[in-house]
Amino acid sequence: MTRFVNASPELLCQSFLEDIAFVEAEIRKELVDERELWSADVKTRGGDLPEGLFKSSAENIASTLLKRGKARAMRRLNFYVNRAGSNLSSERRSVMNAAKSRISAS
């Protein structure tokens, strides 16, 4: 603080703005870290699903997910599709949509 005793108002404003920018950057970094931790946690907690489930047929996906309830099945399937995003091929996306239809119809 002593460096600002005889500082001009411009220098004080510049220093203040730099401090604000630094704090904002740290907050954004923490928020991104929390989101990454949250999604990583979700990925690792899905241990009750069989390995490779989402690579199987729509019938198998729907029947396996429905064992825990219709609402939970749809949430898990939507989560998978949303996380896959544009990396999900149109063929696999149509399989996921068929699984959604089977879950909705049950």
C-alpha atoms as a PDB file:
ATOM      1  CA  MET A   1       0.000   0.000   0.000  1.00  0.00           C
ATOM      2  CA  THR A   2       2.847   2.410   0.684  1.00  0.00           C
ATOM      3  CA  ARG A   3       3.690   2.542  -3.002  1.00  0.00           C
ATOM      4  CA  PHE A   4       0.373   4.318  -3.602  1.00  0.00           C
ATOM      5  CA  VAL A   5       0.774   7.066  -0.998  1.00  0.00           C
ATOM      6  CA  ASN A   6       1.875   9.662  -3.548  1.00  0.00           C
ATOM      7  CA  ALA A   7       0.435   7.905  -6.599  1.00  0.00           C
ATOM      8  CA  SER A   8      -1.684   9.684  -9.153  1.00  0.00           C
ATOM      9  CA  PRO A   9      -5.375   8.841  -9.457  1.00  0.00           C
ATOM     10  CA  GLU A  10      -4.671   7.261 -12.871  1.00  0.00           C
ATOM     11  CA  LEU A  11      -2.117   4.882 -11.344  1.00  0.00           C
ATOM     12  CA  LEU A  12      -4.512   3.985  -8.554  1.00  0.00           C
ATOM     13  CA  CYS A  13      -7.315   3.282 -11.049  1.00  0.00           C
ATOM     14  CA  GLN A  14      -4.997   1.224 -13.250  1.00  0.00           C
ATOM     15  CA  SER A  15      -3.843  -0.849 -10.288  1.00  0.00           C
ATOM     16  CA  PHE A  16      -7.406  -1.319  -9.081  1.00  0.00           C
ATOM     17  CA  LEU A  17      -8.563  -2.466 -12.538  1.00  0.00           C
ATOM     18  CA  GLU A  18      -5.659  -4.927 -12.763  1.00  0.00           C
ATOM     19  CA  ASP A  19      -6.618  -6.342  -9.357  1.00  0.00           C
ATOM     20  CA  ILE A  20     -10.240  -6.720 -10.450  1.00  0.00           C
ATOM     21  CA  ALA A  21      -9.190  -8.462 -13.676  1.00  0.00           C
ATOM     22  CA  PHE A  22      -6.969 -10.837 -11.706  1.00  0.00           C
ATOM     23  CA  VAL A  23      -9.747 -11.707  -9.250  1.00  0.00           C
ATOM     24  CA  GLU A  24     -12.280 -12.207 -12.062  1.00  0.00           C
ATOM     25  CA  ALA A  25      -9.857 -14.524 -13.873  1.00  0.00           C
ATOM     26  CA  GLU A  26      -9.355 -16.550 -10.697  1.00  0.00           C
ATOM     27  CA  ILE A  27     -13.110 -16.836 -10.157  1.00  0.00           C
ATOM     28  CA  ARG A  28     -13.635 -18.008 -13.758  1.00  0.00           C
ATOM     29  CA  LYS A  29     -10.842 -20.533 -13.315  1.00  0.00           C
ATOM     30  CA  GLU A  30     -12.431 -21.882 -10.137  1.00  0.00           C
ATOM     31  CA  LEU A  31     -15.836 -22.149 -11.809  1.00  0.00           C
ATOM     32  CA  VAL A  32     -14.355 -24.084 -14.723  1.00  0.00           C
ATOM     33  CA  ASP A  33     -12.499 -26.359 -12.304  1.00  0.00           C
ATOM     34  CA  GLU A  34     -15.743 -27.046 -10.406  1.00  0.00           C
ATOM     35  CA  ARG A  35     -17.563 -27.908 -13.620  1.00  0.00           C
ATOM     36  CA  GLU A  36     -14.765 -30.246 -14.669  1.00  0.00           C
ATOM     37  CA  LEU A  37     -14.793 -31.900 -11.275  1.00  0.00           C
ATOM     38  CA  TRP A  38     -18.579 -32.230 -11.366  1.00  0.00           C
ATOM     39  CA  SER A  39     -18.651 -33.941 -14.765  1.00  0.00           C
ATOM     40  CA  ALA A  40     -15.688 -36.146 -13.908  1.00  0.00           C
ATOM     41  CA  ASP A  41     -17.541 -37.201 -10.767  1.00  0.00           C
ATOM     42  CA  VAL A  42     -20.644 -38.071 -12.768  1.00  0.00           C
ATOM     43  CA  LYS A  43     -18.603 -40.117 -15.217  1.00  0.00           C
ATOM     44  CA  THR A  44     -16.996 -42.138 -12.440  1.00  0.00           C
ATOM     45  CA  ARG A  45     -20.206 -42.732 -10.472  1.00  0.00           C
ATOM     46  CA  GLY A  46     -21.908 -44.563 -13.346  1.00  0.00           C
ATOM     47  CA  GLY A  47     -20.375 -47.844 -12.210  1.00  0.00           C
ATOM     48  CA  ASP A  48     -23.680 -49.677 -12.002  1.00  0.00           C
ATOM     49  CA  LEU A  49     -23.996 -49.696 -15.807  1.00  0.00           C
ATOM     50  CA  PRO A  50     -22.404 -52.495 -17.812  1.00  0.00           C
ATOM     51  CA  GLU A  51     -19.256 -51.659 -19.741  1.00  0.00           C
ATOM     52  CA  GLY A  52     -20.025 -50.679 -23.350  1.00  0.00           C
ATOM     53  CA  LEU A  53     -23.766 -50.338 -22.766  1.00  0.00           C
ATOM     54  CA  PHE A  54     -24.117 -47.327 -25.051  1.00  0.00           C
ATOM     55  CA  LYS A  55     -22.385 -49.176 -27.880  1.00  0.00           C
ATOM     56  CA  SER A  56     -25.090 -51.850 -27.933  1.00  0.00           C
ATOM     57  CA  SER A  57     -28.545 -51.958 -29.545  1.00  0.00           C
ATOM     58  CA  ALA A  58     -31.410 -49.618 -28.710  1.00  0.00           C
ATOM     59  CA  GLU A  59     -33.348 -52.511 -27.167  1.00  0.00           C
ATOM     60  CA  ASN A  60     -30.462 -53.420 -24.856  1.00  0.00           C
ATOM     61  CA  ILE A  61     -29.826 -49.795 -23.868  1.00  0.00           C
ATOM     62  CA  ALA A  62     -33.491 -49.173 -23.063  1.00  0.00           C
ATOM     63  CA  SER A  63     -34.055 -52.414 -21.145  1.00  0.00           C
ATOM     64  CA  THR A  64     -30.867 -51.989 -19.090  1.00  0.00           C
ATOM     65  CA  LEU A  65     -31.573 -48.361 -18.217  1.00  0.00           C
ATOM     66  CA  LEU A  66     -35.226 -49.056 -17.396  1.00  0.00           C
ATOM     67  CA  LYS A  67     -34.234 -51.409 -14.577  1.00  0.00           C
ATOM     68  CA  ARG A  68     -33.748 -48.307 -12.386  1.00  0.00           C
ATOM     69  CA  GLY A  69     -36.913 -46.479 -13.457  1.00  0.00           C
ATOM     70  CA  LYS A  70     -38.201 -44.556 -16.438  1.00  0.00           C
ATOM     71  CA  ALA A  71     -37.195 -41.050 -15.324  1.00  0.00           C
ATOM     72  CA  ARG A  72     -33.690 -42.090 -14.346  1.00  0.00           C
ATOM     73  CA  ALA A  73     -33.310 -44.027 -17.609  1.00  0.00           C
ATOM     74  CA  MET A  74     -34.193 -40.971 -19.671  1.00  0.00           C
ATOM     75  CA  ARG A  75     -31.876 -38.716 -17.632  1.00  0.00           C
ATOM     76  CA  ARG A  76     -28.945 -41.069 -18.108  1.00  0.00           C
ATOM     77  CA  LEU A  77     -29.553 -41.458 -21.815  1.00  0.00           C
ATOM     78  CA  ASN A  78     -29.898 -37.699 -22.303  1.00  0.00           C
ATOM     79  CA  PHE A  79     -26.743 -37.114 -20.276  1.00  0.00           C
ATOM     80  CA  TYR A  80     -24.836 -39.549 -22.481  1.00  0.00           C
ATOM     81  CA  VAL A  81     -26.112 -37.966 -25.720  1.00  0.00           C
ATOM     82  CA  ASN A  82     -25.402 -34.436 -24.478  1.00  0.00           C
ATOM     83  CA  ARG A  83     -21.883 -35.333 -23.326  1.00  0.00           C
ATOM     84  CA  ALA A  84     -21.124 -37.038 -26.643  1.00  0.00           C
ATOM     85  CA  GLY A  85     -22.294 -33.973 -28.545  1.00  0.00           C
ATOM     86  CA  SER A  86     -20.988 -33.742 -32.100  1.00  0.00           C
ATOM     87  CA  ASN A  87     -18.718 -36.758 -31.494  1.00  0.00           C
ATOM     88  CA  LEU A  88     -21.789 -38.996 -31.681  1.00  0.00           C
ATOM     89  CA  SER A  89     -22.185 -40.329 -35.209  1.00  0.00           C
ATOM     90  CA  SER A  90     -25.543 -39.997 -36.932  1.00  0.00           C
ATOM     91  CA  GLU A  91     -25.899 -43.796 -36.811  1.00  0.00           C
ATOM     92  CA  ARG A  92     -25.348 -43.926 -33.036  1.00  0.00           C
ATOM     93  CA  ARG A  93     -27.559 -40.863 -32.553  1.00  0.00           C
ATOM     94  CA  SER A  94     -30.413 -42.679 -34.302  1.00  0.00           C
ATOM     95  CA  VAL A  95     -29.837 -45.693 -32.021  1.00  0.00           C
ATOM     96  CA  MET A  96     -30.002 -43.376 -28.988  1.00  0.00           C
ATOM     97  CA  ASN A  97     -33.215 -41.811 -30.309  1.00  0.00           C
ATOM     98  CA  ALA A  98     -34.691 -45.282 -30.790  1.00  0.00           C
ATOM     99  CA  ALA A  99     -33.740 -46.110 -27.192  1.00  0.00           C
ATOM    100  CA  LYS A 100     -35.422 -42.883 -26.047  1.00  0.00           C
ATOM    101  CA  SER A 101     -38.577 -43.877 -27.910  1.00  0.00           C
ATOM    102  CA  ARG A 102     -38.554 -47.305 -26.241  1.00  0.00           C
ATOM    103  CA  ILE A 103     -38.082 -45.734 -22.813  1.00  0.00           C
ATOM    104  CA  SER A 104     -40.896 -43.230 -23.430  1.00  0.00           C
ATOM    105  CA  ALA A 105     -43.226 -45.974 -24.643  1.00  0.00           C
ATOM    106  CA  SER A 106     -42.646 -48.176 -21.603  1.00  0.00           C
END
